[in-house]
Amino acid sequence: MKARGVWAGALTHCFFLTNVFCASFFLPIYFQAVRGASPMMSGVYVLASILSQLLAVPPTGKLETAVQRTGYVIPFAIAAAIIGAISNGLYSTSSPSTSTSQWIGYQILNGVGRGVGMPLAVIAVQASLNHADIAMGNSIVMFAQSLGTAILLAVSDTLFEGGLESELPKHAPLVDSSAVMAAGATHFRDIVSAQDLPGVLVAYSLAIDRVFYLAAGISGLAVFTSLFLGWVNIRHPQRPENDAILLRDLGAQGGN
């Protein structure tokens, strides 16, 4: 088994999935806490990223069709990771005054990067392995996906809570920070006065920004790990058993 390509694929897939989960978990918190949306409407507001992600993957995705035509995943994986880094960087600029057109545009960009990038690492791993090793390669990718995303999401949650705890005294010094954090994103407005509310919204926004700084950095790591996916043509994967058969046939022809 080609260990470098498998682990590169596993890490790349983990990083792309972390990008998905960070947006899926913290964008609704942004809409509910900072923008005052209901849980249902926050789900509606994230449709831009979901729809753009769906349109970027097969069978409708134009970029995915380009991958299939060229046969090489590395350029597209790098491009998808760069798009992820840029879009997460844009997410981190979100504030209580961010316009609707801005956050829709950020989501579309992020969704395209996610849609294109997520399947590529798995495709590259499968193309680089012989048939006997594909199941093991897929297992390693799934293990990295589950363990890696769990760890990184725990880190992101810690960043968010720590950021909120440190930002609340700065922007809303008269507010009981512990009570606001205990109330949660959907109920803190019930215990915060109208005078202190703008400061609390800024604190929530800045705390969420920290998560997207992390997501942008993880997307940057995906750029690096994508370089090691291997230059294997997915249309004609060079499997080891095929190479052995080819060498055997060439040897037989040479003997004749």
Protein backbone atom coordinates (compact mmCIF):
# COMPACT_ATOMS: atom_id res chain seq x y z
CA MET A 1 0.00 0.00 0.00
CA LYS A 2 1.27 3.46 -0.88
CA ALA A 3 1.27 4.87 2.65
CA ARG A 4 2.12 8.48 1.77
CA GLY A 5 -0.72 8.84 -0.72
CA VAL A 6 -3.22 7.16 1.60
CA TRP A 7 -2.39 9.31 4.61
CA ALA A 8 -2.26 12.44 2.46
CA GLY A 9 -5.71 11.56 1.18
CA ALA A 10 -6.97 10.84 4.68
CA LEU A 11 -5.70 14.17 6.03
CA THR A 12 -6.94 16.12 3.02
CA HIS A 13 -10.40 14.56 3.33
CA CYS A 14 -10.42 15.30 7.06
CA PHE A 15 -9.52 18.95 6.45
CA PHE A 16 -12.24 19.38 3.82
CA LEU A 17 -14.82 17.77 6.13
CA THR A 18 -13.75 20.03 9.00
CA ASN A 19 -14.43 22.99 6.73
CA VAL A 20 -17.93 21.64 6.14
CA PHE A 21 -18.66 21.01 9.81
CA CYS A 22 -17.33 24.37 11.02
CA ALA A 23 -19.62 26.18 8.60
CA SER A 24 -22.55 23.86 9.37
CA PHE A 25 -22.25 24.37 13.13
CA PHE A 26 -21.20 28.00 13.46
CA LEU A 27 -23.02 29.75 10.62
CA PRO A 28 -26.40 28.97 12.26
CA ILE A 29 -25.00 30.30 15.56
CA TYR A 30 -23.99 33.50 13.76
CA PHE A 31 -27.46 33.91 12.28
CA GLN A 32 -29.26 33.13 15.53
CA ALA A 33 -27.03 35.03 17.95
CA VAL A 34 -25.75 37.96 15.89
CA ARG A 35 -28.57 38.42 13.40
CA GLY A 36 -31.45 37.41 15.67
CA ALA A 37 -32.81 34.73 13.34
CA SER A 38 -34.92 31.84 14.57
CA PRO A 39 -33.49 28.30 14.38
CA MET A 40 -35.70 27.62 11.37
CA MET A 41 -34.66 30.77 9.53
CA SER A 42 -30.99 30.15 10.29
CA GLY A 43 -31.42 26.86 8.46
CA VAL A 44 -32.94 28.72 5.52
CA TYR A 45 -30.07 31.21 5.50
CA VAL A 46 -27.42 28.49 5.07
CA LEU A 47 -29.13 27.08 1.97
CA ALA A 48 -26.80 29.14 -0.22
CA SER A 49 -23.80 27.06 0.86
CA ILE A 50 -25.70 23.77 0.67
CA LEU A 51 -27.08 24.39 -2.82
CA SER A 52 -23.76 25.61 -4.21
CA GLN A 53 -22.05 22.55 -2.73
CA LEU A 54 -24.59 20.23 -4.34
CA LEU A 55 -24.22 21.93 -7.72
CA ALA A 56 -20.43 21.55 -7.60
CA VAL A 57 -20.42 17.76 -7.21
CA PRO A 58 -21.29 15.04 -9.75
CA PRO A 59 -23.29 14.56 -11.83
CA THR A 60 -24.13 18.25 -12.25
CA GLY A 61 -20.82 19.79 -11.22
CA LYS A 62 -18.92 21.39 -14.09
CA LEU A 63 -15.67 21.47 -12.15
CA GLU A 64 -16.01 17.79 -11.27
CA THR A 65 -16.54 17.06 -14.95
CA ALA A 66 -13.28 18.87 -15.64
CA VAL A 67 -11.55 16.60 -13.10
CA GLN A 68 -12.84 13.55 -14.90
CA ARG A 69 -11.69 14.90 -18.25
CA THR A 70 -8.15 15.74 -17.17
CA GLY A 71 -7.78 12.68 -14.98
CA TYR A 72 -5.71 14.41 -12.27
CA VAL A 73 -7.07 15.51 -8.91
CA ILE A 74 -4.16 17.50 -7.42
CA PRO A 75 -4.76 20.82 -9.26
CA PHE A 76 -8.45 20.76 -8.40
CA ALA A 77 -7.84 19.72 -4.79
CA ILE A 78 -5.40 22.61 -4.35
CA ALA A 79 -7.85 25.03 -5.98
CA ALA A 80 -10.69 23.79 -3.75
CA ALA A 81 -8.54 24.18 -0.64
CA ILE A 82 -7.55 27.71 -1.65
CA ILE A 83 -11.21 28.58 -2.22
CA GLY A 84 -11.95 27.17 1.23
CA ALA A 85 -9.23 29.29 2.82
CA ILE A 86 -10.46 32.44 1.08
CA SER A 87 -14.12 31.84 1.89
CA ASN A 88 -13.39 31.08 5.55
CA GLY A 89 -11.31 34.23 5.67
CA LEU A 90 -14.32 36.10 4.33
CA TYR A 91 -16.55 34.42 6.91
CA SER A 92 -14.24 35.77 9.60
CA THR A 93 -15.04 39.33 8.51
CA SER A 94 -18.74 38.86 9.27
CA SER A 95 -20.19 41.27 11.79
CA PRO A 96 -23.64 42.43 12.94
CA SER A 97 -23.71 44.81 9.96
CA THR A 98 -22.67 42.37 7.20
CA SER A 99 -25.08 42.71 4.29
CA THR A 100 -27.20 39.86 2.97
CA SER A 101 -25.46 39.90 -0.40
CA GLN A 102 -22.10 39.52 1.34
CA TRP A 103 -22.92 36.47 3.45
CA ILE A 104 -24.70 34.83 0.52
CA GLY A 105 -21.62 35.38 -1.65
CA TYR A 106 -19.34 33.97 1.07
CA GLN A 107 -21.51 30.87 1.32
CA ILE A 108 -21.59 30.28 -2.43
CA LEU A 109 -17.81 30.49 -2.62
CA ASN A 110 -17.39 28.17 0.36
CA GLY A 111 -19.96 25.71 -0.97
CA VAL A 112 -18.23 25.43 -4.34
CA GLY A 113 -14.90 24.73 -2.66
CA ARG A 114 -16.45 22.09 -0.42
CA GLY A 115 -18.39 20.44 -3.21
CA VAL A 116 -15.39 20.13 -5.49
CA GLY A 117 -12.88 19.21 -2.81
CA MET A 118 -14.63 16.61 -0.68
CA PRO A 119 -14.65 13.64 -3.10
CA LEU A 120 -11.20 14.25 -4.58
CA ALA A 121 -9.07 12.75 -1.81
CA VAL A 122 -11.12 9.56 -1.77
CA ILE A 123 -10.90 9.29 -5.56
CA ALA A 124 -7.12 9.79 -5.46
CA VAL A 125 -6.64 7.15 -2.76
CA GLN A 126 -8.70 4.57 -4.63
CA ALA A 127 -6.93 5.28 -7.92
CA SER A 128 -3.48 4.81 -6.36
CA LEU A 129 -4.16 1.44 -4.73
CA ASN A 130 -4.56 -2.06 -6.07
CA HIS A 131 -7.97 -3.67 -5.64
CA ALA A 132 -6.92 -5.69 -2.60
CA ASP A 133 -5.90 -2.54 -0.70
CA ILE A 134 -8.81 -0.25 -1.59
CA ALA A 135 -10.94 -1.40 1.36
CA MET A 136 -8.08 -0.75 3.78
CA GLY A 137 -7.39 2.64 2.18
CA ASN A 138 -11.04 3.63 2.49
CA SER A 139 -11.05 2.54 6.13
CA ILE A 140 -8.06 4.75 6.90
CA VAL A 141 -9.74 7.71 5.20
CA MET A 142 -12.97 7.16 7.16
CA PHE A 143 -11.04 6.75 10.42
CA ALA A 144 -9.18 10.01 9.84
CA GLN A 145 -12.44 11.70 8.91
CA SER A 146 -14.19 10.63 12.11
CA LEU A 147 -11.33 11.14 14.56
CA GLY A 148 -9.85 14.24 12.96
CA THR A 149 -13.10 16.14 12.60
CA ALA A 150 -14.11 15.26 16.17
CA ILE A 151 -10.84 16.66 17.51
CA LEU A 152 -10.90 19.77 15.34
CA LEU A 153 -14.54 20.51 16.16
CA ALA A 154 -13.74 20.21 19.86
CA VAL A 155 -10.92 22.70 19.33
CA SER A 156 -13.23 25.05 17.42
CA ASP A 157 -15.84 24.89 20.19
CA THR A 158 -13.16 25.69 22.75
CA LEU A 159 -12.01 28.64 20.64
CA PHE A 160 -15.57 29.93 20.40
CA GLU A 161 -16.33 29.65 24.10
CA GLY A 162 -12.97 31.09 25.09
CA GLY A 163 -13.40 33.92 22.61
CA LEU A 164 -16.87 34.73 23.90
CA GLU A 165 -15.67 34.67 27.49
CA SER A 166 -12.84 37.09 26.71
CA GLU A 167 -14.77 39.41 24.37
CA LEU A 168 -17.87 39.96 26.50
CA PRO A 169 -16.09 41.96 29.24
CA LYS A 170 -14.47 44.15 26.57
CA HIS A 171 -17.60 45.04 24.62
CA ALA A 172 -20.32 44.63 27.27
CA PRO A 173 -18.64 45.21 30.65
CA LEU A 174 -21.91 45.65 32.54
CA VAL A 175 -23.25 42.27 31.44
CA ASP A 176 -22.94 39.08 33.48
CA SER A 177 -20.80 37.04 31.07
CA SER A 178 -21.57 33.73 32.77
CA ALA A 179 -25.31 34.33 32.50
CA VAL A 180 -25.05 35.28 28.83
CA MET A 181 -23.04 32.17 28.00
CA ALA A 182 -25.39 29.95 29.98
CA ALA A 183 -28.42 31.41 28.19
CA GLY A 184 -27.08 30.34 24.80
CA ALA A 185 -27.31 31.88 21.36
CA THR A 186 -31.10 31.93 21.21
CA HIS A 187 -31.98 33.20 24.70
CA PHE A 188 -29.33 35.71 25.79
CA ARG A 189 -31.46 38.52 24.34
CA ASP A 190 -34.01 37.80 27.08
CA ILE A 191 -31.55 38.78 29.82
CA VAL A 192 -29.54 41.54 28.12
CA SER A 193 -30.73 45.14 28.11
CA ALA A 194 -31.17 47.08 24.88
CA GLN A 195 -28.25 49.27 25.89
CA ASP A 196 -25.85 46.33 26.29
CA LEU A 197 -27.13 44.25 23.36
CA PRO A 198 -24.90 45.80 20.63
CA GLY A 199 -21.78 44.99 22.64
CA VAL A 200 -22.91 41.40 23.20
CA LEU A 201 -23.56 40.99 19.48
CA VAL A 202 -20.06 42.22 18.69
CA ALA A 203 -18.61 39.79 21.24
CA TYR A 204 -20.51 36.87 19.71
CA SER A 205 -19.40 37.89 16.22
CA LEU A 206 -15.74 38.11 17.21
CA ALA A 207 -15.90 34.75 19.00
CA ILE A 208 -17.31 33.10 15.87
CA ASP A 209 -14.61 34.81 13.80
CA ARG A 210 -11.99 32.84 15.74
CA VAL A 211 -13.53 29.58 14.54
CA PHE A 212 -13.29 30.68 10.93
CA TYR A 213 -9.66 31.70 11.43
CA LEU A 214 -9.09 28.08 12.41
CA ALA A 215 -11.08 26.84 9.42
CA ALA A 216 -9.05 29.05 7.09
CA GLY A 217 -5.84 27.65 8.54
CA ILE A 218 -7.09 24.09 8.14
CA SER A 219 -7.93 24.82 4.51
CA GLY A 220 -4.36 26.04 4.13
CA LEU A 221 -3.14 22.70 5.49
CA ALA A 222 -5.33 20.99 2.88
CA VAL A 223 -3.39 22.86 0.19
CA PHE A 224 -0.18 21.31 1.53
CA THR A 225 -1.51 17.75 1.94
CA SER A 226 -3.09 17.87 -1.53
CA LEU A 227 0.41 18.04 -3.00
CA PHE A 228 1.01 14.45 -1.87
CA LEU A 229 -2.13 12.86 -3.31
CA GLY A 230 -0.09 11.52 -6.22
CA TRP A 231 -0.14 12.26 -9.93
CA VAL A 232 -2.29 9.27 -10.81
CA ASN A 233 -4.58 9.47 -13.81
CA ILE A 234 -7.97 8.46 -12.42
CA ARG A 235 -9.14 7.51 -15.89
CA HIS A 236 -6.35 4.96 -16.19
CA PRO A 237 -5.16 4.17 -12.65
CA GLN A 238 -1.73 2.57 -12.59
CA ARG A 239 -2.47 -0.29 -10.22
CA PRO A 240 0.44 -2.47 -9.09
CA GLU A 241 -1.15 -5.69 -10.29
CA ASN A 242 -1.57 -4.19 -13.76
CA ASP A 243 2.11 -3.24 -13.78
CA ALA A 244 3.07 -6.79 -12.81
CA ILE A 245 0.97 -8.24 -15.61
CA LEU A 246 2.52 -5.80 -18.07
CA LEU A 247 6.06 -6.73 -16.99
CA ARG A 248 5.24 -10.42 -17.22
CA ASP A 249 3.88 -10.02 -20.73
CA LEU A 250 6.90 -7.98 -21.80
CA GLY A 251 9.20 -10.65 -20.38
CA ALA A 252 7.36 -13.36 -22.25
CA GLN A 253 7.63 -11.38 -25.47
CA GLY A 254 11.35 -10.83 -24.87
CA GLY A 255 11.86 -14.56 -24.37
CA ASN A 256 10.25 -15.24 -27.70
